[in-house]
PDB file of N, CA and C in Angstrom:
ATOM      1  N   MET A   1     133.087 159.785 122.786  1.00  0.00           N
ATOM      2  CA  MET A   1     132.405 158.534 122.778  1.00  0.00           C
ATOM      3  C   MET A   1     131.295 158.615 121.750  1.00  0.00           C
ATOM      4  N   GLY A   2     131.147 157.532 120.959  1.00  0.00           N
ATOM      5  CA  GLY A   2     130.161 157.539 119.901  1.00  0.00           C
ATOM      6  C   GLY A   2     128.767 157.217 120.421  1.00  0.00           C
ATOM      7  N   THR A   3     127.784 157.502 119.601  1.00  0.00           N
ATOM      8  CA  THR A   3     126.401 157.243 119.991  1.00  0.00           C
ATOM      9  C   THR A   3     125.903 155.884 119.524  1.00  0.00           C
ATOM     10  N   ASP A   4     126.670 155.230 118.670  1.00  0.00           N
ATOM     11  CA  ASP A   4     126.239 153.899 118.237  1.00  0.00           C
ATOM     12  C   ASP A   4     126.913 152.836 119.096  1.00  0.00           C
ATOM     13  N   PHE A   5     126.143 151.777 119.354  1.00  0.00           N
ATOM     14  CA  PHE A   5     126.665 150.696 120.187  1.00  0.00           C
ATOM     15  C   PHE A   5     126.818 149.413 119.394  1.00  0.00           C
ATOM     16  N   ASN A   6     127.051 149.509 118.116  1.00  0.00           N
ATOM     17  CA  ASN A   6     127.243 148.327 117.277  1.00  0.00           C
ATOM     18  C   ASN A   6     128.634 147.767 117.493  1.00  0.00           C
ATOM     19  N   ILE A   7     128.700 146.469 117.423  1.00  0.00           N
ATOM     20  CA  ILE A   7     129.984 145.805 117.543  1.00  0.00           C
ATOM     21  C   ILE A   7     130.430 145.451 116.140  1.00  0.00           C
ATOM     22  N   ARG A   8     131.590 145.887 115.782  1.00  0.00           N
ATOM     23  CA  ARG A   8     132.121 145.651 114.450  1.00  0.00           C
ATOM     24  C   ARG A   8     133.390 144.820 114.555  1.00  0.00           C
ATOM     25  N   PRO A   9     133.547 143.883 113.629  1.00  0.00           N
ATOM     26  CA  PRO A   9     134.791 143.104 113.671  1.00  0.00           C
ATOM     27  C   PRO A   9     135.961 143.977 113.219  1.00  0.00           C
ATOM     28  N   ILE A  10     137.070 143.744 113.840  1.00  0.00           N
ATOM     29  CA  ILE A  10     138.237 144.548 113.523  1.00  0.00           C
ATOM     30  C   ILE A  10     139.051 143.911 112.415  1.00  0.00           C
ATOM     31  N   GLY A  11     139.184 142.636 112.449  1.00  0.00           N
ATOM     32  CA  GLY A  11     139.981 141.956 111.428  1.00  0.00           C
ATOM     33  C   GLY A  11     139.152 140.881 110.752  1.00  0.00           C
ATOM     34  N   GLY A  12     139.713 140.217 109.781  1.00  0.00           N
ATOM     35  CA  GLY A  12     139.024 139.109 109.120  1.00  0.00           C
ATOM     36  C   GLY A  12     138.975 137.890 110.031  1.00  0.00           C
ATOM     37  N   SER A  13     137.913 137.130 109.922  1.00  0.00           N
ATOM     38  CA  SER A  13     137.795 135.944 110.771  1.00  0.00           C
ATOM     39  C   SER A  13     138.679 134.831 110.206  1.00  0.00           C
ATOM     40  N   VAL A  14     139.200 134.041 111.086  1.00  0.00           N
ATOM     41  CA  VAL A  14     140.090 132.966 110.697  1.00  0.00           C
ATOM     42  C   VAL A  14     139.368 131.646 110.962  1.00  0.00           C
ATOM     43  N   VAL A  15     139.257 130.829 109.917  1.00  0.00           N
ATOM     44  CA  VAL A  15     138.624 129.522 110.064  1.00  0.00           C
ATOM     45  C   VAL A  15     139.723 128.480 110.040  1.00  0.00           C
ATOM     46  N   THR A  16     139.748 127.700 111.078  1.00  0.00           N
ATOM     47  CA  THR A  16     140.751 126.645 111.130  1.00  0.00           C
ATOM     48  C   THR A  16     140.051 125.304 110.995  1.00  0.00           C
ATOM     49  N   ALA A  17     140.605 124.457 110.206  1.00  0.00           N
ATOM     50  CA  ALA A  17     140.045 123.125 110.023  1.00  0.00           C
ATOM     51  C   ALA A  17     140.570 122.215 111.119  1.00  0.00           C
ATOM     52  N   ILE A  18     139.655 121.537 111.748  1.00  0.00           N
ATOM     53  CA  ILE A  18     140.038 120.616 112.818  1.00  0.00           C
ATOM     54  C   ILE A  18     140.035 119.213 112.223  1.00  0.00           C
ATOM     55  N   ALA A  19     141.115 118.536 112.332  1.00  0.00           N
ATOM     56  CA  ALA A  19     141.231 117.179 111.805  1.00  0.00           C
ATOM     57  C   ALA A  19     141.004 116.211 112.950  1.00  0.00           C
ATOM     58  N   TRP A  20     139.821 115.592 112.926  1.00  0.00           N
ATOM     59  CA  TRP A  20     139.505 114.603 113.942  1.00  0.00           C
ATOM     60  C   TRP A  20     140.026 113.248 113.492  1.00  0.00           C
ATOM     61  N   PRO A  21     140.512 112.451 114.407  1.00  0.00           N
ATOM     62  CA  PRO A  21     140.954 111.114 114.004  1.00  0.00           C
ATOM     63  C   PRO A  21     139.727 110.263 113.639  1.00  0.00           C
ATOM     64  N   ALA A  22     139.906 109.367 112.682  1.00  0.00           N
ATOM     65  CA  ALA A  22     138.804 108.502 112.254  1.00  0.00           C
ATOM     66  C   ALA A  22     138.426 107.558 113.393  1.00  0.00           C
ATOM     67  N   PRO A  23     137.122 107.347 113.593  1.00  0.00           N
ATOM     68  CA  PRO A  23     136.719 106.413 114.660  1.00  0.00           C
ATOM     69  C   PRO A  23     137.170 104.994 114.336  1.00  0.00           C
ATOM     70  N   ASN A  24     137.222 104.189 115.356  1.00  0.00           N
ATOM     71  CA  ASN A  24     137.692 102.817 115.225  1.00  0.00           C
ATOM     72  C   ASN A  24     136.777 102.037 114.271  1.00  0.00           C
ATOM     73  N   ALA A  25     135.461 102.272 114.324  1.00  0.00           N
ATOM     74  CA  ALA A  25     134.524 101.550 113.458  1.00  0.00           C
ATOM     75  C   ALA A  25     134.773 101.879 111.994  1.00  0.00           C
ATOM     76  N   ALA A  26     135.133 103.115 111.683  1.00  0.00           N
ATOM     77  CA  ALA A  26     135.396 103.497 110.297  1.00  0.00           C
ATOM     78  C   ALA A  26     136.697 102.875 109.803  1.00  0.00           C
ATOM     79  N   ARG A  27     137.661 102.703 110.684  1.00  0.00           N
ATOM     80  CA  ARG A  27     138.931 102.124 110.262  1.00  0.00           C
ATOM     81  C   ARG A  27     138.821 100.626 109.999  1.00  0.00           C
ATOM     82  N   THR A  28     137.915  99.945 110.704  1.00  0.00           N
ATOM     83  CA  THR A  28     137.782  98.497 110.549  1.00  0.00           C
ATOM     84  C   THR A  28     136.567  98.114 109.699  1.00  0.00           C
ATOM     85  N   ALA A  29     135.940  99.068 109.029  1.00  0.00           N
ATOM     86  CA  ALA A  29     134.729  98.798 108.250  1.00  0.00           C
ATOM     87  C   ALA A  29     135.050  98.035 106.973  1.00  0.00           C
ATOM     88  N   VAL A  30     134.042  97.373 106.456  1.00  0.00           N
ATOM     89  CA  VAL A  30     134.176  96.629 105.207  1.00  0.00           C
ATOM     90  C   VAL A  30     134.180  97.632 104.059  1.00  0.00           C
ATOM     91  N   PRO A  31     135.010  97.465 103.074  1.00  0.00           N
ATOM     92  CA  PRO A  31     135.026  98.408 101.951  1.00  0.00           C
ATOM     93  C   PRO A  31     133.705  98.329 101.170  1.00  0.00           C
ATOM     94  N   THR A  32     133.254  99.482 100.693  1.00  0.00           N
ATOM     95  CA  THR A  32     131.979  99.528  99.986  1.00  0.00           C
ATOM     96  C   THR A  32     132.112  99.304  98.491  1.00  0.00           C
ATOM     97  N   GLU A  33     133.290  99.327  97.968  1.00  0.00           N
ATOM     98  CA  GLU A  33     133.487  99.070  96.547  1.00  0.00           C
ATOM     99  C   GLU A  33     133.417  97.567  96.312  1.00  0.00           C
ATOM    100  N   LEU A  34     132.463  97.138  95.480  1.00  0.00           N
ATOM    101  CA  LEU A  34     132.280  95.726  95.196  1.00  0.00           C
ATOM    102  C   LEU A  34     132.969  95.365  93.890  1.00  0.00           C
ATOM    103  N   PRO A  35     133.365  94.109  93.758  1.00  0.00           N
ATOM    104  CA  PRO A  35     133.896  93.664  92.471  1.00  0.00           C
ATOM    105  C   PRO A  35     132.794  93.723  91.413  1.00  0.00           C
ATOM    106  N   ARG A  36     133.169  93.798  90.169  1.00  0.00           N
ATOM    107  CA  ARG A  36     132.222  93.978  89.068  1.00  0.00           C
ATOM    108  C   ARG A  36     131.204  92.835  89.000  1.00  0.00           C
ATOM    109  N   ASP A  37     131.618  91.604  89.299  1.00  0.00           N
ATOM    110  CA  ASP A  37     130.695  90.479  89.195  1.00  0.00           C
ATOM    111  C   ASP A  37     129.692  90.432  90.350  1.00  0.00           C
ATOM    112  N   LYS A  38     129.932  91.148  91.447  1.00  0.00           N
ATOM    113  CA  LYS A  38     129.009  91.152  92.579  1.00  0.00           C
ATOM    114  C   LYS A  38     128.205  92.441  92.689  1.00  0.00           C
ATOM    115  N   ALA A  39     128.461  93.382  91.823  1.00  0.00           N
ATOM    116  CA  ALA A  39     127.746  94.658  91.865  1.00  0.00           C
ATOM    117  C   ALA A  39     126.351  94.488  91.271  1.00  0.00           C
ATOM    118  N   VAL A  40     125.427  95.289  91.745  1.00  0.00           N
ATOM    119  CA  VAL A  40     124.040  95.274  91.275  1.00  0.00           C
ATOM    120  C   VAL A  40     123.807  96.541  90.479  1.00  0.00           C
ATOM    121  N   SER A  41     123.192  96.387  89.330  1.00  0.00           N
ATOM    122  CA  SER A  41     122.906  97.561  88.512  1.00  0.00           C
ATOM    123  C   SER A  41     121.405  97.819  88.494  1.00  0.00           C
ATOM    124  N   ALA A  42     121.028  99.017  88.140  1.00  0.00           N
ATOM    125  CA  ALA A  42     119.620  99.404  88.085  1.00  0.00           C
ATOM    126  C   ALA A  42     118.938  98.713  86.914  1.00  0.00           C
ATOM    127  N   ALA A  43     117.619  98.567  87.039  1.00  0.00           N
ATOM    128  CA  ALA A  43     116.837  97.932  85.977  1.00  0.00           C
ATOM    129  C   ALA A  43     116.790  98.833  84.749  1.00  0.00           C
ATOM    130  N   ASP A  44     116.586  98.229  83.609  1.00  0.00           N
ATOM    131  CA  ASP A  44     116.504  98.970  82.350  1.00  0.00           C
ATOM    132  C   ASP A  44     115.175  99.717  82.301  1.00  0.00           C
ATOM    133  N   THR A  45     115.229 101.021  82.258  1.00  0.00           N
ATOM    134  CA  THR A  45     114.010 101.834  82.221  1.00  0.00           C
ATOM    135  C   THR A  45     113.724 102.370  80.836  1.00  0.00           C
ATOM    136  N   SER A  46     114.404 101.845  79.820  1.00  0.00           N
ATOM    137  CA  SER A  46     114.190 102.357  78.473  1.00  0.00           C
ATOM    138  C   SER A  46     112.837 101.915  77.918  1.00  0.00           C
ATOM    139  N   LEU A  47     112.319 100.753  78.385  1.00  0.00           N
ATOM    140  CA  LEU A  47     111.008 100.308  77.929  1.00  0.00           C
ATOM    141  C   LEU A  47     109.929 100.977  78.769  1.00  0.00           C
ATOM    142  N   PRO A  48     108.935 101.573  78.128  1.00  0.00           N
ATOM    143  CA  PRO A  48     107.883 102.231  78.900  1.00  0.00           C
ATOM    144  C   PRO A  48     106.982 101.208  79.595  1.00  0.00           C
ATOM    145  N   ALA A  49     106.444 101.589  80.728  1.00  0.00           N
ATOM    146  CA  ALA A  49     105.522 100.729  81.450  1.00  0.00           C
ATOM    147  C   ALA A  49     104.198 100.686  80.702  1.00  0.00           C
ATOM    148  N   ARG A  50     103.588  99.514  80.661  1.00  0.00           N
ATOM    149  CA  ARG A  50     102.319  99.373  79.951  1.00  0.00           C
ATOM    150  C   ARG A  50     101.177  99.590  80.926  1.00  0.00           C
ATOM    151  N   ASN A  51     100.377 100.538  80.605  1.00  0.00           N
ATOM    152  CA  ASN A  51      99.195 100.825  81.412  1.00  0.00           C
ATOM    153  C   ASN A  51      98.006 100.890  80.467  1.00  0.00           C
ATOM    154  N   ASN A  52      97.655  99.746  79.935  1.00  0.00           N
ATOM    155  CA  ASN A  52      96.605  99.674  78.942  1.00  0.00           C
ATOM    156  C   ASN A  52      95.467  98.815  79.488  1.00  0.00           C
ATOM    157  N   PRO A  53      94.406  99.430  79.998  1.00  0.00           N
ATOM    158  CA  PRO A  53      93.314  98.629  80.547  1.00  0.00           C
ATOM    159  C   PRO A  53      92.569  97.845  79.474  1.00  0.00           C
ATOM    160  N   GLN A  54      92.658  98.254  78.214  1.00  0.00           N
ATOM    161  CA  GLN A  54      91.974  97.532  77.143  1.00  0.00           C
ATOM    162  C   GLN A  54      92.630  96.187  76.864  1.00  0.00           C
ATOM    163  N   ALA A  55      93.909  96.042  77.206  1.00  0.00           N
ATOM    164  CA  ALA A  55      94.601  94.777  76.964  1.00  0.00           C
ATOM    165  C   ALA A  55      94.024  93.667  77.825  1.00  0.00           C
ATOM    166  N   ASN A  56      93.525  93.989  79.022  1.00  0.00           N
ATOM    167  CA  ASN A  56      92.960  92.990  79.920  1.00  0.00           C
ATOM    168  C   ASN A  56      91.460  92.820  79.723  1.00  0.00           C
ATOM    169  N   ALA A  57      90.868  93.542  78.797  1.00  0.00           N
ATOM    170  CA  ALA A  57      89.418  93.505  78.627  1.00  0.00           C
ATOM    171  C   ALA A  57      88.941  92.125  78.194  1.00  0.00           C
ATOM    172  N   ASP A  58      89.727  91.415  77.381  1.00  0.00           N
ATOM    173  CA  ASP A  58      89.306  90.088  76.954  1.00  0.00           C
ATOM    174  C   ASP A  58      89.526  89.039  78.031  1.00  0.00           C
ATOM    175  N   GLN A  59      90.315  89.331  79.046  1.00  0.00           N
ATOM    176  CA  GLN A  59      90.583  88.382  80.121  1.00  0.00           C
ATOM    177  C   GLN A  59      89.643  88.566  81.303  1.00  0.00           C
ATOM    178  N   GLN A  60      88.912  89.684  81.349  1.00  0.00           N
ATOM    179  CA  GLN A  60      88.037  89.971  82.483  1.00  0.00           C
ATOM    180  C   GLN A  60      86.622  90.229  81.997  1.00  0.00           C
ATOM    181  N   SER A  61      85.664  89.876  82.841  1.00  0.00           N
ATOM    182  CA  SER A  61      84.273  90.156  82.522  1.00  0.00           C
ATOM    183  C   SER A  61      83.648  90.904  83.694  1.00  0.00           C
ATOM    184  N   LYS A  62      82.644  91.705  83.383  1.00  0.00           N
ATOM    185  CA  LYS A  62      81.941  92.485  84.406  1.00  0.00           C
ATOM    186  C   LYS A  62      80.613  91.814  84.703  1.00  0.00           C
ATOM    187  N   GLN A  63      80.295  91.722  85.992  1.00  0.00           N
ATOM    188  CA  GLN A  63      79.061  91.074  86.410  1.00  0.00           C
ATOM    189  C   GLN A  63      78.317  91.970  87.375  1.00  0.00           C
ATOM    190  N   ILE A  64      77.008  91.861  87.323  1.00  0.00           N
ATOM    191  CA  ILE A  64      76.145  92.543  88.290  1.00  0.00           C
ATOM    192  C   ILE A  64      75.323  91.463  88.970  1.00  0.00           C
ATOM    193  N   VAL A  65      75.440  91.386  90.296  1.00  0.00           N
ATOM    194  CA  VAL A  65      74.780  90.346  91.078  1.00  0.00           C
ATOM    195  C   VAL A  65      73.942  91.016  92.155  1.00  0.00           C
ATOM    196  N   ILE A  66      72.792  90.449  92.460  1.00  0.00           N
ATOM    197  CA  ILE A  66      71.964  90.958  93.558  1.00  0.00           C
ATOM    198  C   ILE A  66      72.164  90.046  94.755  1.00  0.00           C
ATOM    199  N   ASP A  67      72.669  90.610  95.830  1.00  0.00           N
ATOM    200  CA  ASP A  67      72.857  89.876  97.079  1.00  0.00           C
ATOM    201  C   ASP A  67      71.570  90.000  97.878  1.00  0.00           C
ATOM    202  N   ARG A  68      70.834  88.916  97.973  1.00  0.00           N
ATOM    203  CA  ARG A  68      69.526  88.966  98.630  1.00  0.00           C
ATOM    204  C   ARG A  68      69.642  89.128 100.144  1.00  0.00           C
ATOM    205  N   ALA A  69      70.662  88.552 100.749  1.00  0.00           N
ATOM    206  CA  ALA A  69      70.818  88.659 102.197  1.00  0.00           C
ATOM    207  C   ALA A  69      71.074  90.097 102.623  1.00  0.00           C
ATOM    208  N   ALA A  70      71.857  90.821 101.820  1.00  0.00           N
ATOM    209  CA  ALA A  70      72.169  92.212 102.151  1.00  0.00           C
ATOM    210  C   ALA A  70      71.232  93.181 101.450  1.00  0.00           C
ATOM    211  N   ALA A  71      70.391  92.676 100.533  1.00  0.00           N
ATOM    212  CA  ALA A  71      69.499  93.514  99.729  1.00  0.00           C
ATOM    213  C   ALA A  71      70.307  94.602  99.035  1.00  0.00           C
ATOM    214  N   GLU A  72      71.329  94.168  98.317  1.00  0.00           N
ATOM    215  CA  GLU A  72      72.280  95.094  97.723  1.00  0.00           C
ATOM    216  C   GLU A  72      72.665  94.608  96.330  1.00  0.00           C
ATOM    217  N   ILE A  73      72.919  95.542  95.438  1.00  0.00           N
ATOM    218  CA  ILE A  73      73.423  95.225  94.110  1.00  0.00           C
ATOM    219  C   ILE A  73      74.946  95.234  94.179  1.00  0.00           C
ATOM    220  N   VAL A  74      75.584  94.180  93.658  1.00  0.00           N
ATOM    221  CA  VAL A  74      77.029  94.010  93.744  1.00  0.00           C
ATOM    222  C   VAL A  74      77.606  94.053  92.329  1.00  0.00           C
ATOM    223  N   TYR A  75      78.609  94.895  92.148  1.00  0.00           N
ATOM    224  CA  TYR A  75      79.312  95.006  90.871  1.00  0.00           C
ATOM    225  C   TYR A  75      80.641  94.278  91.003  1.00  0.00           C
ATOM    226  N   ARG A  76      80.929  93.356  90.072  1.00  0.00           N
ATOM    227  CA  ARG A  76      82.144  92.557  90.144  1.00  0.00           C
ATOM    228  C   ARG A  76      82.888  92.580  88.816  1.00  0.00           C
ATOM    229  N   VAL A  77      84.216  92.479  88.905  1.00  0.00           N
ATOM    230  CA  VAL A  77      85.072  92.231  87.752  1.00  0.00           C
ATOM    231  C   VAL A  77      85.717  90.883  88.016  1.00  0.00           C
ATOM    232  N   VAL A  78      85.481  89.924  87.103  1.00  0.00           N
ATOM    233  CA  VAL A  78      85.906  88.541  87.309  1.00  0.00           C
ATOM    234  C   VAL A  78      86.920  88.165  86.237  1.00  0.00           C
ATOM    235  N   ASP A  79      87.985  87.465  86.646  1.00  0.00           N
ATOM    236  CA  ASP A  79      88.975  86.948  85.718  1.00  0.00           C
ATOM    237  C   ASP A  79      88.381  85.723  85.024  1.00  0.00           C
ATOM    238  N   ASN A  80      88.358  85.734  83.686  1.00  0.00           N
ATOM    239  CA  ASN A  80      87.732  84.649  82.933  1.00  0.00           C
ATOM    240  C   ASN A  80      88.510  83.344  83.021  1.00  0.00           C
ATOM    241  N   ARG A  81      89.816  83.413  83.165  1.00  0.00           N
ATOM    242  CA  ARG A  81      90.613  82.187  83.204  1.00  0.00           C
ATOM    243  C   ARG A  81      90.462  81.443  84.520  1.00  0.00           C
ATOM    244  N   THR A  82      90.475  82.175  85.636  1.00  0.00           N
ATOM    245  CA  THR A  82      90.448  81.530  86.951  1.00  0.00           C
ATOM    246  C   THR A  82      89.099  81.636  87.643  1.00  0.00           C
ATOM    247  N   SER A  83      88.179  82.414  87.124  1.00  0.00           N
ATOM    248  CA  SER A  83      86.866  82.685  87.725  1.00  0.00           C
ATOM    249  C   SER A  83      86.989  83.320  89.105  1.00  0.00           C
ATOM    250  N   MET A  84      88.083  84.006  89.349  1.00  0.00           N
ATOM    251  CA  MET A  84      88.286  84.699  90.629  1.00  0.00           C
ATOM    252  C   MET A  84      87.808  86.142  90.500  1.00  0.00           C
ATOM    253  N   VAL A  85      87.298  86.691  91.590  1.00  0.00           N
ATOM    254  CA  VAL A  85      86.840  88.076  91.602  1.00  0.00           C
ATOM    255  C   VAL A  85      88.058  88.982  91.731  1.00  0.00           C
ATOM    256  N   VAL A  86      88.218  89.900  90.767  1.00  0.00           N
ATOM    257  CA  VAL A  86      89.351  90.822  90.778  1.00  0.00           C
ATOM    258  C   VAL A  86      88.990  92.045  91.619  1.00  0.00           C
ATOM    259  N   ARG A  87      87.842  92.649  91.346  1.00  0.00           N
ATOM    260  CA  ARG A  87      87.346  93.806  92.097  1.00  0.00           C
ATOM    261  C   ARG A  87      85.868  93.606  92.382  1.00  0.00           C
ATOM    262  N   GLN A  88      85.420  94.183  93.482  1.00  0.00           N
ATOM    263  CA  GLN A  88      84.007  94.081  93.837  1.00  0.00           C
ATOM    264  C   GLN A  88      83.607  95.322  94.611  1.00  0.00           C
ATOM    265  N   PHE A  89      82.411  95.831  94.291  1.00  0.00           N
ATOM    266  CA  PHE A  89      81.870  96.966  95.035  1.00  0.00           C
ATOM    267  C   PHE A  89      80.422  96.685  95.354  1.00  0.00           C
ATOM    268  N   PRO A  90      79.981  96.787  96.566  1.00  0.00           N
ATOM    269  CA  PRO A  90      80.723  96.937  97.821  1.00  0.00           C
ATOM    270  C   PRO A  90      81.486  95.668  98.159  1.00  0.00           C
ATOM    271  N   ASP A  91      82.495  95.810  98.990  1.00  0.00           N
ATOM    272  CA  ASP A  91      83.342  94.666  99.295  1.00  0.00           C
ATOM    273  C   ASP A  91      82.618  93.655 100.189  1.00  0.00           C
ATOM    274  N   GLU A  92      83.248  92.488 100.343  1.00  0.00           N
ATOM    275  CA  GLU A  92      82.617  91.361 101.032  1.00  0.00           C
ATOM    276  C   GLU A  92      82.305  91.674 102.493  1.00  0.00           C
ATOM    277  N   ALA A  93      83.173  92.375 103.175  1.00  0.00           N
ATOM    278  CA  ALA A  93      82.949  92.700 104.591  1.00  0.00           C
ATOM    279  C   ALA A  93      81.734  93.617 104.749  1.00  0.00           C
ATOM    280  N   ARG A  94      81.595  94.571 103.854  1.00  0.00           N
ATOM    281  CA  ARG A  94      80.445  95.476 103.929  1.00  0.00           C
ATOM    282  C   ARG A  94      79.145  94.730 103.638  1.00  0.00           C
ATOM    283  N   LEU A  95      79.172  93.786 102.710  1.00  0.00           N
ATOM    284  CA  LEU A  95      77.987  92.990 102.428  1.00  0.00           C
ATOM    285  C   LEU A  95      77.589  92.135 103.631  1.00  0.00           C
ATOM    286  N   ARG A  96      78.574  91.542 104.300  1.00  0.00           N
ATOM    287  CA  ARG A  96      78.270  90.749 105.499  1.00  0.00           C
ATOM    288  C   ARG A  96      77.682  91.616 106.595  1.00  0.00           C
ATOM    289  N   ALA A  97      78.233  92.819 106.779  1.00  0.00           N
ATOM    290  CA  ALA A  97      77.709  93.722 107.813  1.00  0.00           C
ATOM    291  C   ALA A  97      76.278  94.143 107.487  1.00  0.00           C
ATOM    292  N   ARG A  98      76.001  94.450 106.228  1.00  0.00           N
ATOM    293  CA  ARG A  98      74.639  94.837 105.844  1.00  0.00           C
ATOM    294  C   ARG A  98      73.663  93.679 106.010  1.00  0.00           C
ATOM    295  N   ALA A  99      74.088  92.473 105.661  1.00  0.00           N
ATOM    296  CA  ALA A  99      73.222  91.308 105.835  1.00  0.00           C
ATOM    297  C   ALA A  99      72.925  91.075 107.314  1.00  0.00           C
ATOM    298  N   TYR A 100      73.928  91.241 108.162  1.00  0.00           N
ATOM    299  CA  TYR A 100      73.736  91.066 109.600  1.00  0.00           C
ATOM    300  C   TYR A 100      72.772  92.114 110.154  1.00  0.00           C
ATOM    301  N   LEU A 101      72.980  93.367 109.786  1.00  0.00           N
ATOM    302  CA  LEU A 101      72.094  94.428 110.278  1.00  0.00           C
ATOM    303  C   LEU A 101      70.680  94.274 109.746  1.00  0.00           C
ATOM    304  N   ARG A 102      70.548  93.820 108.507  1.00  0.00           N
ATOM    305  CA  ARG A 102      69.217  93.601 107.934  1.00  0.00           C
ATOM    306  C   ARG A 102      68.511  92.468 108.669  1.00  0.00           C
ATOM    307  N   ALA A 103      69.241  91.401 109.001  1.00  0.00           N
ATOM    308  CA  ALA A 103      68.646  90.293 109.753  1.00  0.00           C
ATOM    309  C   ALA A 103      68.214  90.742 111.141  1.00  0.00           C
ATOM    310  N   GLN A 104      68.983  91.619 111.771  1.00  0.00           N
ATOM    311  CA  GLN A 104      68.583  92.150 113.075  1.00  0.00           C
ATOM    312  C   GLN A 104      67.328  92.997 112.971  1.00  0.00           C
ATOM    313  N   ASP A 105      67.229  93.829 111.933  1.00  0.00           N
ATOM    314  CA  ASP A 105      66.039  94.658 111.745  1.00  0.00           C
ATOM    315  C   ASP A 105      64.801  93.802 111.517  1.00  0.00           C
ATOM    316  N   ILE A 106      64.931  92.746 110.728  1.00  0.00           N
ATOM    317  CA  ILE A 106      63.798  91.864 110.472  1.00  0.00           C
ATOM    318  C   ILE A 106      63.376  91.158 111.754  1.00  0.00           C
ATOM    319  N   ALA A 107      64.353  90.692 112.542  1.00  0.00           N
ATOM    320  CA  ALA A 107      64.037  90.031 113.811  1.00  0.00           C
ATOM    321  C   ALA A 107      63.374  90.996 114.776  1.00  0.00           C
ATOM    322  N   LYS A 108      63.807  92.249 114.792  1.00  0.00           N
ATOM    323  CA  LYS A 108      63.215  93.250 115.666  1.00  0.00           C
ATOM    324  C   LYS A 108      61.769  93.545 115.263  1.00  0.00           C
ATOM    325  N   GLN A 109      61.507  93.626 113.958  1.00  0.00           N
ATOM    326  CA  GLN A 109      60.152  93.869 113.477  1.00  0.00           C
ATOM    327  C   GLN A 109      59.237  92.698 113.798  1.00  0.00           C
ATOM    328  N   GLU A 110      59.723  91.468 113.657  1.00  0.00           N
ATOM    329  CA  GLU A 110      58.918  90.299 113.985  1.00  0.00           C
ATOM    330  C   GLU A 110      58.632  90.231 115.474  1.00  0.00           C
ATOM    331  N   ALA A 111      59.608  90.587 116.299  1.00  0.00           N
ATOM    332  CA  ALA A 111      59.412  90.557 117.757  1.00  0.00           C
ATOM    333  C   ALA A 111      58.403  91.614 118.184  1.00  0.00           C
ATOM    334  N   SER A 112      58.434  92.773 117.567  1.00  0.00           N
ATOM    335  CA  SER A 112      57.488  93.819 117.948  1.00  0.00           C
ATOM    336  C   SER A 112      56.083  93.487 117.466  1.00  0.00           C
ATOM    337  N   SER A 113      55.940  92.781 116.364  1.00  0.00           N
ATOM    338  CA  SER A 113      54.601  92.423 115.888  1.00  0.00           C
ATOM    339  C   SER A 113      54.010  91.286 116.716  1.00  0.00           C
ATOM    340  N   ARG A 114      54.814  90.434 117.351  1.00  0.00           N
ATOM    341  CA  ARG A 114      54.311  89.339 118.184  1.00  0.00           C
ATOM    342  C   ARG A 114      53.897  89.818 119.569  1.00  0.00           C
ATOM    343  N   ASN A 115      54.442  90.903 120.050  1.00  0.00           N
ATOM    344  CA  ASN A 115      54.174  91.355 121.409  1.00  0.00           C
ATOM    345  C   ASN A 115      52.972  92.294 121.502  1.00  0.00           C
ATOM    346  N   THR A 116      52.189  92.391 120.470  1.00  0.00           N
ATOM    347  CA  THR A 116      51.022  93.276 120.541  1.00  0.00           C
ATOM    348  C   THR A 116      49.906  92.622 121.348  1.00  0.00           C
ATOM    349  N   ASP A 117      49.194  93.412 122.052  1.00  0.00           N
ATOM    350  CA  ASP A 117      48.076  92.935 122.889  1.00  0.00           C
ATOM    351  C   ASP A 117      46.836  92.881 122.036  1.00  0.00           C
ATOM    352  N   ARG A 118      46.265  91.706 121.864  1.00  0.00           N
ATOM    353  CA  ARG A 118      45.105  91.546 120.996  1.00  0.00           C
ATOM    354  C   ARG A 118      43.803  91.430 121.787  1.00  0.00           C
ATOM    355  N   GLU A 119      43.867  91.544 123.072  1.00  0.00           N
ATOM    356  CA  GLU A 119      42.641  91.471 123.869  1.00  0.00           C
ATOM    357  C   GLU A 119      41.983  92.820 123.954  1.00  0.00           C
ATOM    358  N   ALA A 120      40.659  92.814 123.995  1.00  0.00           N
ATOM    359  CA  ALA A 120      39.936  94.071 124.059  1.00  0.00           C
ATOM    360  C   ALA A 120      39.438  94.340 125.449  1.00  0.00           C
TER     361      ALA A 120
END
């Protein structure tokens, strides 16, 4: 009796291919090959994409505005044709939140200054 307990294959393994019948859905499926007039082709990628920020420089202007309610300086990029704001920092929601918090702080300071006892 040997001292090794390894299991070794005696012969070559046999692989048998199992042929499963095609499911009913595959047999009744619509063919995927489309006629030439209904086929869709990929877009032409031979033209490079334009990523030139200088091309839009004449169409946009930069503005600096002071928002008094929020006590904040606002940087804007505005489209000259439509006068619409393209980009803004800080955004409108942040400006509204700062204006609201600033108004609360001012109201709190006014309330604390009115409640002082002036009698001696």
